[in-house]
PDB file of N, CA and C in Angstrom:
ATOM      1  N   UNK A   1       1.376 -36.466  18.576  1.00  0.00           N
ATOM      2  CA  UNK A   1       0.897 -37.803  17.705  1.00  0.00           C
ATOM      3  C   UNK A   1       0.066 -37.072  16.541  1.00  0.00           C
ATOM      4  N   UNK A   2       0.096 -38.089  15.458  1.00  0.00           N
ATOM      5  CA  UNK A   2      -0.149 -37.570  14.252  1.00  0.00           C
ATOM      6  C   UNK A   2      -1.708 -37.477  14.783  1.00  0.00           C
ATOM      7  N   UNK A   3      -2.262 -36.626  13.643  1.00  0.00           N
ATOM      8  CA  UNK A   3      -3.655 -36.950  14.400  1.00  0.00           C
ATOM      9  C   UNK A   3      -3.997 -37.896  12.311  1.00  0.00           C
ATOM     10  N   UNK A   4      -5.258 -38.494  13.151  1.00  0.00           N
ATOM     11  CA  UNK A   4      -5.960 -40.060  11.856  1.00  0.00           C
ATOM     12  C   UNK A   4      -6.531 -39.905  10.772  1.00  0.00           C
ATOM     13  N   UNK A   5      -6.123 -39.379  10.130  1.00  0.00           N
ATOM     14  CA  UNK A   5      -7.317 -38.389   8.891  1.00  0.00           C
ATOM     15  C   UNK A   5      -9.207 -39.615   8.604  1.00  0.00           C
ATOM     16  N   UNK A   6      -9.539 -38.707   8.474  1.00  0.00           N
ATOM     17  CA  UNK A   6     -10.610 -39.085   8.526  1.00  0.00           C
ATOM     18  C   UNK A   6     -11.357 -39.350   6.934  1.00  0.00           C
ATOM     19  N   UNK A   7     -11.567 -40.115   5.939  1.00  0.00           N
ATOM     20  CA  UNK A   7     -12.184 -40.349   4.690  1.00  0.00           C
ATOM     21  C   UNK A   7     -13.471 -39.268   4.416  1.00  0.00           C
ATOM     22  N   UNK A   8     -13.303 -37.866   3.504  1.00  0.00           N
ATOM     23  CA  UNK A   8     -14.871 -37.747   3.244  1.00  0.00           C
ATOM     24  C   UNK A   8     -15.216 -36.903   1.733  1.00  0.00           C
ATOM     25  N   UNK A   9     -16.729 -37.283   0.718  1.00  0.00           N
ATOM     26  CA  UNK A   9     -16.454 -37.013  -0.566  1.00  0.00           C
ATOM     27  C   UNK A   9     -16.828 -35.617  -0.926  1.00  0.00           C
ATOM     28  N   UNK A  10     -16.394 -34.128  -1.339  1.00  0.00           N
ATOM     29  CA  UNK A  10     -17.264 -34.161  -2.143  1.00  0.00           C
ATOM     30  C   UNK A  10     -16.780 -33.747  -2.822  1.00  0.00           C
ATOM     31  N   UNK A  11     -18.424 -32.806  -3.649  1.00  0.00           N
ATOM     32  CA  UNK A  11     -18.770 -33.186  -5.128  1.00  0.00           C
ATOM     33  C   UNK A  11     -18.597 -32.028  -5.800  1.00  0.00           C
ATOM     34  N   UNK A  12     -17.697 -32.237  -7.416  1.00  0.00           N
ATOM     35  CA  UNK A  12     -16.996 -30.429  -7.646  1.00  0.00           C
ATOM     36  C   UNK A  12     -17.538 -30.562  -9.165  1.00  0.00           C
ATOM     37  N   UNK A  13     -17.153 -29.538  -9.211  1.00  0.00           N
ATOM     38  CA  UNK A  13     -17.710 -28.985 -11.047  1.00  0.00           C
ATOM     39  C   UNK A  13     -16.654 -30.194 -11.121  1.00  0.00           C
ATOM     40  N   UNK A  14     -16.592 -29.728 -12.789  1.00  0.00           N
ATOM     41  CA  UNK A  14     -15.484 -30.811 -13.051  1.00  0.00           C
ATOM     42  C   UNK A  14     -14.922 -29.046 -13.558  1.00  0.00           C
ATOM     43  N   UNK A  15     -15.060 -28.333 -13.288  1.00  0.00           N
ATOM     44  CA  UNK A  15     -13.496 -26.664 -14.426  1.00  0.00           C
ATOM     45  C   UNK A  15     -12.895 -27.079 -12.985  1.00  0.00           C
ATOM     46  N   UNK A  16     -13.632 -26.730 -11.656  1.00  0.00           N
ATOM     47  CA  UNK A  16     -13.704 -27.102 -10.376  1.00  0.00           C
ATOM     48  C   UNK A  16     -12.504 -28.283 -10.620  1.00  0.00           C
ATOM     49  N   UNK A  17     -12.601 -29.062 -10.018  1.00  0.00           N
ATOM     50  CA  UNK A  17     -11.739 -30.509  -9.907  1.00  0.00           C
ATOM     51  C   UNK A  17     -10.315 -30.266 -11.487  1.00  0.00           C
ATOM     52  N   UNK A  18      -9.713 -29.645 -12.410  1.00  0.00           N
ATOM     53  CA  UNK A  18      -9.083 -29.767 -13.555  1.00  0.00           C
ATOM     54  C   UNK A  18      -8.809 -28.750 -13.034  1.00  0.00           C
ATOM     55  N   UNK A  19      -9.004 -27.869 -12.625  1.00  0.00           N
ATOM     56  CA  UNK A  19      -8.134 -26.719 -11.893  1.00  0.00           C
ATOM     57  C   UNK A  19      -7.950 -27.026 -11.152  1.00  0.00           C
ATOM     58  N   UNK A  20      -8.095 -27.710  -9.380  1.00  0.00           N
ATOM     59  CA  UNK A  20      -7.730 -28.141  -8.533  1.00  0.00           C
ATOM     60  C   UNK A  20      -6.057 -28.899  -8.887  1.00  0.00           C
ATOM     61  N   UNK A  21      -6.402 -30.404  -9.759  1.00  0.00           N
ATOM     62  CA  UNK A  21      -6.330 -30.958 -10.539  1.00  0.00           C
ATOM     63  C   UNK A  21      -4.486 -30.359 -10.675  1.00  0.00           C
ATOM     64  N   UNK A  22      -4.641 -29.416 -11.766  1.00  0.00           N
ATOM     65  CA  UNK A  22      -3.914 -28.632 -12.653  1.00  0.00           C
ATOM     66  C   UNK A  22      -2.620 -28.193 -11.102  1.00  0.00           C
ATOM     67  N   UNK A  23      -3.662 -27.171 -10.325  1.00  0.00           N
ATOM     68  CA  UNK A  23      -2.874 -26.548  -8.756  1.00  0.00           C
ATOM     69  C   UNK A  23      -1.878 -27.726  -8.243  1.00  0.00           C
ATOM     70  N   UNK A  24      -2.369 -28.224  -7.653  1.00  0.00           N
ATOM     71  CA  UNK A  24      -2.060 -29.161  -7.476  1.00  0.00           C
ATOM     72  C   UNK A  24      -0.375 -30.398  -8.008  1.00  0.00           C
ATOM     73  N   UNK A  25      -0.714 -30.262  -9.194  1.00  0.00           N
ATOM     74  CA  UNK A  25       1.105 -30.891 -10.112  1.00  0.00           C
ATOM     75  C   UNK A  25       1.238 -29.660 -10.092  1.00  0.00           C
ATOM     76  N   UNK A  26       1.383 -28.309  -9.864  1.00  0.00           N
ATOM     77  CA  UNK A  26       1.817 -27.487 -10.346  1.00  0.00           C
ATOM     78  C   UNK A  26       2.879 -27.299  -9.351  1.00  0.00           C
ATOM     79  N   UNK A  27       1.807 -27.181  -8.188  1.00  0.00           N
ATOM     80  CA  UNK A  27       2.991 -27.739  -6.525  1.00  0.00           C
ATOM     81  C   UNK A  27       3.285 -29.002  -5.957  1.00  0.00           C
ATOM     82  N   UNK A  28       3.449 -29.882  -7.449  1.00  0.00           N
ATOM     83  CA  UNK A  28       3.949 -30.923  -6.305  1.00  0.00           C
ATOM     84  C   UNK A  28       2.671 -31.364  -4.912  1.00  0.00           C
ATOM     85  N   UNK A  29       2.206 -31.228  -4.528  1.00  0.00           N
ATOM     86  CA  UNK A  29       0.738 -31.918  -3.906  1.00  0.00           C
ATOM     87  C   UNK A  29      -0.532 -32.891  -4.637  1.00  0.00           C
ATOM     88  N   UNK A  30      -0.673 -33.101  -3.854  1.00  0.00           N
ATOM     89  CA  UNK A  30      -1.552 -34.587  -3.525  1.00  0.00           C
ATOM     90  C   UNK A  30      -3.698 -32.991  -3.664  1.00  0.00           C
ATOM     91  N   UNK A  31      -4.178 -33.372  -4.361  1.00  0.00           N
ATOM     92  CA  UNK A  31      -4.832 -32.123  -4.406  1.00  0.00           C
ATOM     93  C   UNK A  31      -5.871 -32.153  -3.012  1.00  0.00           C
ATOM     94  N   UNK A  32      -5.909 -33.804  -1.973  1.00  0.00           N
ATOM     95  CA  UNK A  32      -6.692 -33.805  -0.787  1.00  0.00           C
ATOM     96  C   UNK A  32      -5.172 -32.500   0.120  1.00  0.00           C
ATOM     97  N   UNK A  33      -3.846 -32.842   0.080  1.00  0.00           N
ATOM     98  CA  UNK A  33      -3.289 -32.028   0.370  1.00  0.00           C
ATOM     99  C   UNK A  33      -4.185 -30.579   0.252  1.00  0.00           C
ATOM    100  N   UNK A  34      -4.000 -30.403  -0.385  1.00  0.00           N
ATOM    101  CA  UNK A  34      -4.507 -28.465  -0.587  1.00  0.00           C
ATOM    102  C   UNK A  34      -5.837 -28.229  -0.718  1.00  0.00           C
ATOM    103  N   UNK A  35      -7.167 -29.848  -0.406  1.00  0.00           N
ATOM    104  CA  UNK A  35      -7.464 -29.912   0.492  1.00  0.00           C
ATOM    105  C   UNK A  35      -7.718 -29.142   1.304  1.00  0.00           C
ATOM    106  N   UNK A  36      -6.295 -30.098   2.236  1.00  0.00           N
ATOM    107  CA  UNK A  36      -7.092 -29.846   4.160  1.00  0.00           C
ATOM    108  C   UNK A  36      -5.913 -29.097   3.818  1.00  0.00           C
ATOM    109  N   UNK A  37      -5.343 -27.776   3.504  1.00  0.00           N
ATOM    110  CA  UNK A  37      -4.272 -26.580   3.598  1.00  0.00           C
ATOM    111  C   UNK A  37      -5.834 -25.381   3.499  1.00  0.00           C
ATOM    112  N   UNK A  38      -6.790 -25.019   2.768  1.00  0.00           N
ATOM    113  CA  UNK A  38      -7.599 -25.016   2.531  1.00  0.00           C
ATOM    114  C   UNK A  38      -8.289 -24.948   3.217  1.00  0.00           C
ATOM    115  N   UNK A  39      -8.804 -26.139   3.859  1.00  0.00           N
ATOM    116  CA  UNK A  39      -9.843 -26.674   4.980  1.00  0.00           C
ATOM    117  C   UNK A  39      -8.976 -25.743   6.226  1.00  0.00           C
ATOM    118  N   UNK A  40      -7.611 -25.807   6.743  1.00  0.00           N
ATOM    119  CA  UNK A  40      -7.426 -25.138   7.504  1.00  0.00           C
ATOM    120  C   UNK A  40      -7.604 -23.734   7.783  1.00  0.00           C
ATOM    121  N   UNK A  41      -7.044 -22.951   6.173  1.00  0.00           N
ATOM    122  CA  UNK A  41      -7.188 -21.212   6.467  1.00  0.00           C
ATOM    123  C   UNK A  41      -8.448 -21.212   7.334  1.00  0.00           C
ATOM    124  N   UNK A  42      -9.168 -21.995   6.258  1.00  0.00           N
ATOM    125  CA  UNK A  42     -11.072 -21.799   6.907  1.00  0.00           C
ATOM    126  C   UNK A  42     -11.174 -21.697   7.438  1.00  0.00           C
ATOM    127  N   UNK A  43     -11.399 -22.797   8.834  1.00  0.00           N
ATOM    128  CA  UNK A  43     -10.930 -23.129   9.902  1.00  0.00           C
ATOM    129  C   UNK A  43     -10.705 -22.014  10.515  1.00  0.00           C
ATOM    130  N   UNK A  44      -9.507 -22.066  10.624  1.00  0.00           N
ATOM    131  CA  UNK A  44      -8.405 -20.926  11.332  1.00  0.00           C
ATOM    132  C   UNK A  44      -9.347 -19.466  11.284  1.00  0.00           C
ATOM    133  N   UNK A  45      -9.907 -18.984  10.196  1.00  0.00           N
ATOM    134  CA  UNK A  45     -10.202 -17.065   9.430  1.00  0.00           C
ATOM    135  C   UNK A  45     -11.091 -17.572  10.260  1.00  0.00           C
ATOM    136  N   UNK A  46     -12.985 -18.513  10.928  1.00  0.00           N
ATOM    137  CA  UNK A  46     -13.587 -18.692  11.025  1.00  0.00           C
ATOM    138  C   UNK A  46     -13.427 -18.651  13.062  1.00  0.00           C
ATOM    139  N   UNK A  47     -12.252 -19.458  13.081  1.00  0.00           N
ATOM    140  CA  UNK A  47     -11.565 -18.973  14.848  1.00  0.00           C
ATOM    141  C   UNK A  47     -10.924 -17.442  15.573  1.00  0.00           C
ATOM    142  N   UNK A  48     -10.276 -16.699  14.192  1.00  0.00           N
ATOM    143  CA  UNK A  48      -9.778 -15.327  14.481  1.00  0.00           C
ATOM    144  C   UNK A  48     -11.171 -14.155  14.401  1.00  0.00           C
ATOM    145  N   UNK A  49     -12.497 -15.110  13.783  1.00  0.00           N
ATOM    146  CA  UNK A  49     -12.935 -13.935  13.415  1.00  0.00           C
ATOM    147  C   UNK A  49     -13.662 -14.531  14.575  1.00  0.00           C
ATOM    148  N   UNK A  50     -14.589 -15.538  14.915  1.00  0.00           N
ATOM    149  CA  UNK A  50     -14.619 -15.884  17.107  1.00  0.00           C
ATOM    150  C   UNK A  50     -14.669 -14.814  17.752  1.00  0.00           C
ATOM    151  N   UNK A  51     -13.286 -15.035  17.230  1.00  0.00           N
ATOM    152  CA  UNK A  51     -12.459 -14.498  18.780  1.00  0.00           C
ATOM    153  C   UNK A  51     -12.670 -12.855  18.682  1.00  0.00           C
ATOM    154  N   UNK A  52     -12.494 -12.703  17.675  1.00  0.00           N
ATOM    155  CA  UNK A  52     -12.493 -11.240  17.947  1.00  0.00           C
ATOM    156  C   UNK A  52     -13.927 -11.068  18.167  1.00  0.00           C
ATOM    157  N   UNK A  53     -14.710 -11.582  17.886  1.00  0.00           N
ATOM    158  CA  UNK A  53     -17.042 -10.918  18.692  1.00  0.00           C
ATOM    159  C   UNK A  53     -16.391 -11.041  19.970  1.00  0.00           C
ATOM    160  N   UNK A  54     -15.941 -12.428  20.376  1.00  0.00           N
ATOM    161  CA  UNK A  54     -16.308 -12.065  21.835  1.00  0.00           C
ATOM    162  C   UNK A  54     -15.106 -11.145  23.012  1.00  0.00           C
ATOM    163  N   UNK A  55     -14.148 -10.813  21.718  1.00  0.00           N
ATOM    164  CA  UNK A  55     -13.049  -9.807  22.642  1.00  0.00           C
ATOM    165  C   UNK A  55     -14.186  -8.067  22.622  1.00  0.00           C
ATOM    166  N   UNK A  56     -14.893  -7.815  20.914  1.00  0.00           N
ATOM    167  CA  UNK A  56     -16.302  -6.848  20.669  1.00  0.00           C
ATOM    168  C   UNK A  56     -17.144  -6.470  21.437  1.00  0.00           C
ATOM    169  N   UNK A  57     -17.524  -8.111  21.862  1.00  0.00           N
ATOM    170  CA  UNK A  57     -18.492  -8.355  22.980  1.00  0.00           C
ATOM    171  C   UNK A  57     -18.550  -7.658  25.091  1.00  0.00           C
ATOM    172  N   UNK A  58     -16.855  -7.889  24.597  1.00  0.00           N
ATOM    173  CA  UNK A  58     -16.857  -7.585  26.313  1.00  0.00           C
ATOM    174  C   UNK A  58     -16.809  -6.509  26.267  1.00  0.00           C
ATOM    175  N   UNK A  59     -17.524  -6.170  28.091  1.00  0.00           N
ATOM    176  CA  UNK A  59     -17.120  -4.541  28.125  1.00  0.00           C
ATOM    177  C   UNK A  59     -16.575  -3.634  27.919  1.00  0.00           C
ATOM    178  N   UNK A  60     -15.381  -4.625  28.350  1.00  0.00           N
ATOM    179  CA  UNK A  60     -13.837  -3.921  28.446  1.00  0.00           C
ATOM    180  C   UNK A  60     -13.924  -3.205  27.086  1.00  0.00           C
ATOM    181  N   UNK A  61     -13.156  -1.457  27.294  1.00  0.00           N
ATOM    182  CA  UNK A  61     -13.153  -0.630  26.160  1.00  0.00           C
ATOM    183  C   UNK A  61     -12.083  -0.427  25.391  1.00  0.00           C
ATOM    184  N   UNK A  62     -12.284  -0.620  24.159  1.00  0.00           N
ATOM    185  CA  UNK A  62     -11.201  -1.195  22.814  1.00  0.00           C
ATOM    186  C   UNK A  62     -10.366   0.282  22.010  1.00  0.00           C
ATOM    187  N   UNK A  63      -9.841  -0.314  21.222  1.00  0.00           N
ATOM    188  CA  UNK A  63      -9.334   1.509  21.211  1.00  0.00           C
ATOM    189  C   UNK A  63      -9.244   1.260  19.936  1.00  0.00           C
ATOM    190  N   UNK A  64      -8.894   2.410  18.978  1.00  0.00           N
ATOM    191  CA  UNK A  64      -9.029   2.164  17.452  1.00  0.00           C
ATOM    192  C   UNK A  64      -7.243   2.238  17.729  1.00  0.00           C
ATOM    193  N   UNK A  65      -6.766   1.846  15.624  1.00  0.00           N
ATOM    194  CA  UNK A  65      -5.952   0.994  15.352  1.00  0.00           C
ATOM    195  C   UNK A  65      -4.843   1.718  15.323  1.00  0.00           C
ATOM    196  N   UNK A  66      -5.431   3.562  15.283  1.00  0.00           N
ATOM    197  CA  UNK A  66      -4.174   4.948  15.758  1.00  0.00           C
ATOM    198  C   UNK A  66      -4.221   4.562  16.801  1.00  0.00           C
ATOM    199  N   UNK A  67      -5.556   4.754  17.785  1.00  0.00           N
ATOM    200  CA  UNK A  67      -4.649   4.725  19.001  1.00  0.00           C
ATOM    201  C   UNK A  67      -3.803   4.355  19.241  1.00  0.00           C
ATOM    202  N   UNK A  68      -3.152   2.875  19.081  1.00  0.00           N
ATOM    203  CA  UNK A  68      -2.785   1.766  19.283  1.00  0.00           C
ATOM    204  C   UNK A  68      -1.366   2.519  18.682  1.00  0.00           C
ATOM    205  N   UNK A  69      -2.024   2.064  17.724  1.00  0.00           N
ATOM    206  CA  UNK A  69      -0.106   2.515  17.072  1.00  0.00           C
ATOM    207  C   UNK A  69       0.810   3.927  17.637  1.00  0.00           C
ATOM    208  N   UNK A  70      -0.186   5.088  17.910  1.00  0.00           N
ATOM    209  CA  UNK A  70       0.310   5.938  18.806  1.00  0.00           C
ATOM    210  C   UNK A  70       0.114   5.291  20.343  1.00  0.00           C
ATOM    211  N   UNK A  71       0.110   5.024  20.722  1.00  0.00           N
ATOM    212  CA  UNK A  71       0.623   4.143  22.239  1.00  0.00           C
ATOM    213  C   UNK A  71       2.068   3.682  21.700  1.00  0.00           C
ATOM    214  N   UNK A  72       1.478   3.036  20.954  1.00  0.00           N
ATOM    215  CA  UNK A  72       2.960   1.918  20.913  1.00  0.00           C
ATOM    216  C   UNK A  72       4.526   2.677  20.389  1.00  0.00           C
ATOM    217  N   UNK A  73       3.694   3.433  19.640  1.00  0.00           N
ATOM    218  CA  UNK A  73       5.187   4.678  19.851  1.00  0.00           C
ATOM    219  C   UNK A  73       5.822   4.897  20.550  1.00  0.00           C
ATOM    220  N   UNK A  74       5.220   5.614  21.487  1.00  0.00           N
ATOM    221  CA  UNK A  74       5.519   5.775  23.319  1.00  0.00           C
ATOM    222  C   UNK A  74       7.092   5.234  23.898  1.00  0.00           C
TER     223      UNK A  74
END
């Protein structure tokens, strides 16, 4: 099922608007699509950070990346 889009208003400086318009033209996408994609990336990054924080707050023992790699090679 496809999500229904909600209208929102944002305010950009003239320079930001022109850069976004130019980028949209180069990528052959709408400005709205670029903004939705950037928003999704930001939300996914935030979700990843929150997930990592929950893991770090957990009482389970954490291992370093170096330890993980050496165990993985075995």
